[in-house]
C-alpha atoms as a PDB file:
ATOM      1  CA  UNK A   1       0.000   0.000   0.000  1.00  0.00           C
ATOM      2  CA  UNK A   2       1.404   3.412  -1.016  1.00  0.00           C
ATOM      3  CA  UNK A   3       0.277   5.165   2.190  1.00  0.00           C
ATOM      4  CA  UNK A   4       2.171   2.736   4.408  1.00  0.00           C
ATOM      5  CA  UNK A   5       5.408   3.164   2.468  1.00  0.00           C
ATOM      6  CA  UNK A   6       5.052   6.949   2.587  1.00  0.00           C
ATOM      7  CA  UNK A   7       4.558   6.882   6.360  1.00  0.00           C
ATOM      8  CA  UNK A   8       7.576   4.623   6.747  1.00  0.00           C
ATOM      9  CA  UNK A   9       9.665   6.984   4.617  1.00  0.00           C
ATOM     10  CA  UNK A  10       8.645   9.938   6.800  1.00  0.00           C
ATOM     11  CA  UNK A  11       9.510   7.982   9.957  1.00  0.00           C
ATOM     12  CA  UNK A  12      12.915   6.998   8.594  1.00  0.00           C
ATOM     13  CA  UNK A  13      13.639  10.588   7.611  1.00  0.00           C
ATOM     14  CA  UNK A  14      12.721  11.794  11.105  1.00  0.00           C
ATOM     15  CA  UNK A  15      14.948   9.140  12.657  1.00  0.00           C
ATOM     16  CA  UNK A  16      17.855  10.223  10.456  1.00  0.00           C
ATOM     17  CA  UNK A  17      17.389  13.875  11.381  1.00  0.00           C
ATOM     18  CA  UNK A  18      17.252  12.930  15.064  1.00  0.00           C
ATOM     19  CA  UNK A  19      20.417  10.888  14.641  1.00  0.00           C
ATOM     20  CA  UNK A  20      22.190  13.840  12.997  1.00  0.00           C
ATOM     21  CA  UNK A  21      21.161  16.002  15.971  1.00  0.00           C
ATOM     22  CA  UNK A  22      22.428  13.384  18.461  1.00  0.00           C
ATOM     23  CA  UNK A  23      18.863  12.864  19.689  1.00  0.00           C
ATOM     24  CA  UNK A  24      19.147  16.228  21.471  1.00  0.00           C
ATOM     25  CA  UNK A  25      15.772  18.054  21.604  1.00  0.00           C
ATOM     26  CA  UNK A  26      17.430  21.483  21.641  1.00  0.00           C
ATOM     27  CA  UNK A  27      19.451  20.651  18.542  1.00  0.00           C
ATOM     28  CA  UNK A  28      16.310  19.326  16.849  1.00  0.00           C
ATOM     29  CA  UNK A  29      14.392  22.527  17.547  1.00  0.00           C
ATOM     30  CA  UNK A  30      17.315  24.594  16.251  1.00  0.00           C
ATOM     31  CA  UNK A  31      17.511  22.417  13.126  1.00  0.00           C
ATOM     32  CA  UNK A  32      13.801  22.792  12.350  1.00  0.00           C
ATOM     33  CA  UNK A  33      13.803  26.545  13.050  1.00  0.00           C
ATOM     34  CA  UNK A  34      16.716  27.008  10.666  1.00  0.00           C
ATOM     35  CA  UNK A  35      14.918  24.976   8.015  1.00  0.00           C
ATOM     36  CA  UNK A  36      11.799  27.048   8.509  1.00  0.00           C
ATOM     37  CA  UNK A  37      13.728  30.322   8.159  1.00  0.00           C
ATOM     38  CA  UNK A  38      15.283  29.073   4.936  1.00  0.00           C
ATOM     39  CA  UNK A  39      11.835  28.414   3.463  1.00  0.00           C
ATOM     40  CA  UNK A  40      10.427  31.883   4.226  1.00  0.00           C
ATOM     41  CA  UNK A  41      11.509  34.584   1.766  1.00  0.00           C
ATOM     42  CA  UNK A  42      12.958  37.505   3.725  1.00  0.00           C
ATOM     43  CA  UNK A  43      11.716  40.181   1.310  1.00  0.00           C
ATOM     44  CA  UNK A  44       8.046  39.344   1.791  1.00  0.00           C
ATOM     45  CA  UNK A  45       7.806  39.971   5.523  1.00  0.00           C
ATOM     46  CA  UNK A  46       4.762  42.061   6.203  1.00  0.00           C
ATOM     47  CA  UNK A  47       3.019  43.400   9.249  1.00  0.00           C
ATOM     48  CA  UNK A  48       0.906  40.792  11.010  1.00  0.00           C
ATOM     49  CA  UNK A  49      -2.750  40.882  10.087  1.00  0.00           C
ATOM     50  CA  UNK A  50      -5.071  42.310  12.705  1.00  0.00           C
ATOM     51  CA  UNK A  51      -8.343  40.550  12.924  1.00  0.00           C
ATOM     52  CA  UNK A  52     -11.387  42.807  12.691  1.00  0.00           C
ATOM     53  CA  UNK A  53     -14.257  42.800  15.139  1.00  0.00           C
ATOM     54  CA  UNK A  54     -16.110  39.534  15.464  1.00  0.00           C
ATOM     55  CA  UNK A  55     -19.887  39.779  15.105  1.00  0.00           C
END
């Protein structure tokens, strides 16, 4: 089943990333934050949206 193999691939990837970070939660958080920053274009930062009044 395709879904099972995809889930297994995701799990293996997560294990490899954890291994690279020495299974250290702080290193994992740093790793994922750095990845997230790399995905967000710096030129498109805008002011946060303010939600209008709720009826």
